């Protein structure tokens, strides 16, 4: 009987603790206590969302090529259902 290979485990890290994943700081207050999420909006735009736990500043940046800060209105426009 062949032996099965154990599953590969990938550490998940932390969304809120410094020292896990790439170091990102808040653009407003400089805190390292941020949550960063990578996602793709409905229109296909890859973005990084960063939210600060200290001052609650939130930033949406495009994640393709040159990062561009998106306003909340731009993010909402890009997440509308396509018909």
Protein backbone atom coordinates (compact mmCIF):
# COMPACT_ATOMS: atom_id res chain seq x y z
CA UNK A 1 0.00 0.00 0.00
CA UNK A 2 1.52 3.41 -0.97
CA UNK A 3 2.05 5.94 1.76
CA UNK A 4 0.04 9.11 1.54
CA UNK A 5 1.83 12.42 1.59
CA UNK A 6 0.92 14.63 4.55
CA UNK A 7 -1.00 17.77 3.55
CA UNK A 8 1.02 20.94 3.18
CA UNK A 9 0.07 23.49 5.82
CA UNK A 10 0.51 27.18 5.18
CA UNK A 11 0.64 29.51 8.21
CA UNK A 12 -2.26 31.92 8.04
CA UNK A 13 -0.56 34.72 9.95
CA UNK A 14 -2.59 37.55 11.41
CA UNK A 15 -4.62 40.36 9.93
CA UNK A 16 -4.02 42.65 12.90
CA UNK A 17 -0.68 41.85 14.50
CA UNK A 18 2.56 43.46 13.35
CA UNK A 19 5.27 41.10 12.14
CA UNK A 20 2.95 38.92 10.06
CA UNK A 21 3.10 39.42 6.32
CA UNK A 22 4.35 42.56 4.59
CA UNK A 23 4.78 45.56 6.88
CA UNK A 24 2.14 48.18 6.12
CA UNK A 25 1.60 51.32 8.16
CA UNK A 26 -1.33 53.72 8.32
CA UNK A 27 -0.94 56.63 5.91
CA UNK A 28 -2.65 58.92 8.38
CA UNK A 29 -1.07 58.19 11.79
CA UNK A 30 1.82 55.81 10.97
CA UNK A 31 0.53 52.99 13.19
CA UNK A 32 1.50 49.40 12.37
CA UNK A 33 -1.84 48.18 13.82
CA UNK A 34 -3.63 47.84 10.51
CA UNK A 35 -5.74 45.23 8.80
CA UNK A 36 -4.84 44.67 5.15
CA UNK A 37 -6.95 42.63 2.77
CA UNK A 38 -6.31 41.88 -0.90
CA UNK A 39 -9.43 41.37 -3.00
CA UNK A 40 -10.86 41.74 -6.48
CA UNK A 41 -13.77 44.12 -7.04
CA UNK A 42 -16.79 43.15 -9.16
CA UNK A 43 -15.35 44.85 -12.26
CA UNK A 44 -12.14 42.81 -11.96
CA UNK A 45 -9.96 45.51 -10.35
CA UNK A 46 -7.48 43.98 -7.87
CA UNK A 47 -7.29 46.16 -4.74
CA UNK A 48 -5.67 46.26 -1.30
CA UNK A 49 -7.86 47.56 1.54
CA UNK A 50 -6.03 48.92 4.60
CA UNK A 51 -7.86 49.89 7.79
CA UNK A 52 -6.14 51.40 10.84
CA UNK A 53 -7.08 50.19 14.33
CA UNK A 54 -5.82 53.40 15.97
CA UNK A 55 -7.36 56.23 13.93
CA UNK A 56 -9.82 54.22 11.76
CA UNK A 57 -8.38 55.68 8.53
CA UNK A 58 -9.27 53.47 5.54
CA UNK A 59 -7.54 53.30 2.18
CA UNK A 60 -8.36 51.42 -1.02
CA UNK A 61 -5.45 51.05 -3.48
CA UNK A 62 -5.31 49.36 -6.84
CA UNK A 63 -2.98 46.39 -6.61
CA UNK A 64 -2.01 46.12 -10.28
CA UNK A 65 1.17 47.89 -11.33
CA UNK A 66 1.25 51.41 -9.93
CA UNK A 67 -0.88 51.64 -6.78
CA UNK A 68 -3.53 54.34 -7.10
CA UNK A 69 -5.64 55.45 -4.13
CA UNK A 70 -9.34 55.03 -4.87
CA UNK A 71 -12.08 57.12 -3.28
CA UNK A 72 -15.01 55.38 -1.62
CA UNK A 73 -17.24 56.49 -4.53
CA UNK A 74 -14.82 54.90 -7.05
CA UNK A 75 -14.81 51.64 -5.07
CA UNK A 76 -18.63 51.63 -4.92
CA UNK A 77 -18.86 52.29 -8.67
CA UNK A 78 -16.49 49.39 -9.37
CA UNK A 79 -18.47 47.01 -7.13
CA UNK A 80 -21.89 47.55 -8.70
CA UNK A 81 -23.47 44.50 -10.30
CA UNK A 82 -22.76 44.30 -14.01
CA UNK A 83 -25.81 43.85 -16.23
